[in-house]
Protein backbone atom coordinates (compact mmCIF):
# COMPACT_ATOMS: atom_id res chain seq x y z
CA MET A 1 -20.48 -15.61 4.02
CA LYS A 2 -18.97 -17.46 1.07
CA THR A 3 -15.79 -19.45 1.58
CA ALA A 4 -13.95 -17.32 -0.98
CA SER A 5 -14.88 -14.14 0.92
CA VAL A 6 -13.64 -15.62 4.19
CA LYS A 7 -10.36 -16.59 2.54
CA LYS A 8 -9.96 -13.11 1.08
CA LEU A 9 -10.73 -11.49 4.42
CA ALA A 10 -8.19 -13.75 6.13
CA LEU A 11 -5.52 -12.92 3.55
CA ALA A 12 -6.30 -9.22 3.87
CA GLY A 13 -5.81 -9.54 7.63
CA ILE A 14 -2.50 -11.32 7.19
CA LEU A 15 -1.26 -8.74 4.69
CA CYS A 16 -2.42 -5.95 7.01
CA ALA A 17 -0.39 -7.54 9.82
CA VAL A 18 2.64 -7.74 7.51
CA ALA A 19 2.25 -4.03 6.73
CA VAL A 20 2.00 -3.11 10.41
CA ALA A 21 4.96 -5.27 11.45
CA GLY A 22 6.89 -4.09 8.39
CA SER A 23 6.44 -0.49 9.47
CA LEU A 24 9.14 -1.14 12.05
CA LEU A 25 11.45 -1.04 9.01
CA SER A 26 10.60 2.59 8.31
CA PHE A 27 12.87 5.56 7.88
CA PRO A 28 12.20 9.29 8.22
CA VAL A 29 12.29 11.54 5.17
CA PHE A 30 11.22 15.21 5.47
CA GLY A 31 8.78 14.68 8.33
CA SER A 32 7.17 11.53 7.01
CA LYS A 33 7.89 7.95 8.00
CA CYS A 34 8.59 5.97 4.85
CA ALA A 35 7.42 2.37 5.16
CA PRO A 36 8.18 0.45 1.95
CA VAL A 37 6.57 -2.76 3.22
CA GLN A 38 3.17 -1.03 3.14
CA HIS A 39 3.60 -0.41 -0.59
CA MET A 40 4.62 -4.01 -1.18
CA VAL A 41 1.44 -5.06 0.64
CA ASN A 42 -0.63 -2.66 -1.49
CA VAL A 43 0.57 -4.39 -4.65
CA LEU A 44 0.03 -7.88 -3.19
CA CYS A 45 -3.51 -6.89 -2.21
CA ALA A 46 -4.09 -5.59 -5.74
CA VAL A 47 -2.93 -8.85 -7.30
CA PHE A 48 -4.67 -11.25 -4.91
CA LEU A 49 -7.66 -9.38 -3.50
CA GLY A 50 -8.64 -6.38 -5.59
CA PRO A 51 -8.96 -2.66 -4.93
CA TRP A 52 -11.55 -2.67 -2.13
CA TYR A 53 -9.81 -5.21 0.08
CA GLY A 54 -6.54 -3.39 -0.62
CA LEU A 55 -8.04 -0.05 0.38
CA ALA A 56 -9.47 -1.57 3.57
CA ALA A 57 -6.16 -3.24 4.45
CA ALA A 58 -4.29 0.03 3.89
CA PHE A 59 -6.74 1.90 6.11
CA VAL A 60 -6.56 -0.67 8.93
CA ALA A 61 -2.75 -0.87 8.70
CA SER A 62 -2.50 2.94 8.88
CA LEU A 63 -4.89 3.01 11.82
CA LEU A 64 -2.98 0.33 13.71
CA ARG A 65 0.38 1.97 12.98
CA ASN A 66 -0.96 5.24 14.40
CA LEU A 67 -2.51 3.59 17.45
CA LEU A 68 0.80 1.83 18.15
CA GLY A 69 2.78 5.05 17.66
CA TRP A 70 4.66 3.56 14.70
CA GLY A 71 3.30 5.89 12.04
CA SER A 72 1.87 9.33 11.44
CA LEU A 73 -1.42 10.57 10.05
CA LEU A 74 0.39 10.90 6.72
CA ALA A 75 0.14 7.11 6.42
CA PHE A 76 -3.55 7.38 5.58
CA PRO A 77 -3.45 9.40 2.34
CA GLY A 78 -0.26 7.77 1.12
CA SER A 79 -1.14 4.13 1.60
CA MET A 80 -4.82 4.43 0.75
CA CYS A 81 -4.37 6.36 -2.51
CA GLY A 82 -1.74 3.88 -3.63
CA ALA A 83 -3.76 0.82 -2.64
CA LEU A 84 -6.87 1.99 -4.45
CA LEU A 85 -5.11 3.10 -7.62
CA CYS A 86 -2.93 0.00 -7.99
CA GLY A 87 -5.91 -2.24 -7.19
CA LEU A 88 -7.95 -0.58 -9.93
CA ALA A 89 -5.02 -0.74 -12.34
CA TYR A 90 -4.55 -4.47 -11.78
CA ARG A 91 -8.28 -5.14 -12.06
CA MET A 92 -8.44 -3.31 -15.41
CA THR A 93 -5.16 -4.45 -16.98
CA LYS A 94 -3.92 -7.61 -15.19
CA ASN A 95 -0.51 -6.10 -15.98
CA LEU A 96 2.06 -6.06 -13.18
CA PRO A 97 4.23 -3.18 -14.48
CA ALA A 98 1.09 -1.03 -14.85
CA THR A 99 0.08 -1.99 -11.32
CA LEU A 100 3.50 -1.06 -9.94
CA ALA A 101 3.38 2.26 -11.79
CA ALA A 102 -0.11 2.91 -10.41
CA GLU A 103 1.14 2.26 -6.86
CA VAL A 104 3.97 4.76 -7.37
CA LEU A 105 1.64 7.34 -8.94
CA GLY A 106 -1.11 6.78 -6.36
CA THR A 107 1.11 6.94 -3.30
CA GLY A 108 3.90 9.18 -4.54
CA VAL A 109 1.95 11.85 -6.35
CA LEU A 110 -1.72 11.64 -5.29
CA GLY A 111 -0.94 10.55 -1.72
CA GLY A 112 1.86 13.10 -1.50
CA LEU A 113 -0.51 15.88 -2.54
CA ALA A 114 -3.27 14.63 -0.21
CA ALA A 115 -0.79 14.59 2.69
CA TYR A 116 -0.41 18.39 2.61
CA PRO A 117 -3.84 19.24 4.07
CA VAL A 118 -3.52 16.37 6.56
CA ALA A 119 -0.17 17.75 7.77
CA LYS A 120 -1.39 21.33 7.87
CA GLU A 121 -4.91 20.95 9.26
CA LEU A 122 -4.75 17.78 11.35
CA MET A 123 -1.13 17.69 12.49
CA GLY A 124 -0.56 21.42 12.91
CA LEU A 125 2.53 21.39 10.70
CA THR A 126 3.45 24.19 8.34
CA PRO A 127 4.72 22.50 5.18
CA GLU A 128 6.44 24.97 2.86
CA THR A 129 4.56 23.86 -0.24
CA TYR A 130 1.79 21.47 -1.19
CA THR A 131 4.32 19.27 -3.05
CA VAL A 132 6.65 18.76 -0.07
CA TYR A 133 5.59 15.13 0.55
CA ILE A 134 5.83 13.89 -3.03
CA ILE A 135 9.57 13.11 -2.96
CA PRO A 136 9.58 11.21 0.36
CA PHE A 137 6.46 9.29 -0.64
CA LEU A 138 8.03 8.46 -4.02
CA ILE A 139 11.15 7.13 -2.30
CA SER A 140 9.10 4.87 -0.05
CA THR A 141 6.70 3.61 -2.71
CA ALA A 142 9.45 2.99 -5.27
CA ALA A 143 11.30 0.77 -2.80
CA GLY A 144 8.14 -1.12 -1.85
CA SER A 145 7.02 -1.50 -5.46
CA ILE A 146 10.37 -2.98 -6.44
CA LEU A 147 10.07 -5.49 -3.57
CA ALA A 148 6.52 -6.35 -4.64
CA GLY A 149 7.49 -6.72 -8.28
CA LEU A 150 10.31 -9.12 -7.42
CA LEU A 151 8.04 -11.16 -5.14
CA VAL A 152 5.16 -11.40 -7.62
CA TYR A 153 7.49 -12.33 -10.50
CA ALA A 154 9.05 -15.05 -8.32
CA LEU A 155 5.59 -16.36 -7.38
CA ARG A 156 4.55 -16.31 -11.03
CA LYS A 157 7.70 -18.10 -12.18
CA ASN A 158 7.29 -21.05 -9.81
CA GLY A 159 3.51 -21.35 -10.34
CA ALA A 160 2.56 -20.28 -6.82
CA LEU A 161 0.76 -17.15 -8.06
CA ASN A 162 -1.87 -19.08 -10.00
CA ALA A 163 -2.18 -21.67 -7.22
CA MET A 164 -2.81 -18.96 -4.64
CA ARG A 165 -5.34 -17.19 -6.85
CA SER A 166 -7.28 -20.40 -7.53
CA ALA A 167 -7.24 -21.28 -3.81
CA LEU A 168 -8.80 -17.89 -3.03
CA GLU A 169 -11.62 -18.48 -5.49
CA ARG A 170 -12.63 -21.90 -4.14
């Protein structure tokens, strides 16, 4: 395994742990547990690691949160749709506002829509409409995206962003 791959895997593991620990700072909204730290981690994975590491970190974080009883099955579609979309957006544009918007769209809208069949078929819930999870997911992802945007801009301003990226590539 290349050194860069090992470094990326290690960072993905650290960010996954941050997402899991950060889920203790969640709040309930309409049957879902909103965890804004997960969305911050999605954006950080997009910026530092790319879409596939981000998707894997979101999956593992969702799995661990469920195994620990700190999340629900709704964590899977929300976090994974957001991680993949914002990772692809950053890869294609290298633009942070576009990446933040992709996280909000991926988690809030696509993840919110994908949560309906999960809630109905896997959790035995009877959501009133297929759009019921969009608003709570938007609330969570907007908060996490704002946190991520502030953090990435601060890292960029003091030069740490480029230093971290170059360290990952060596």
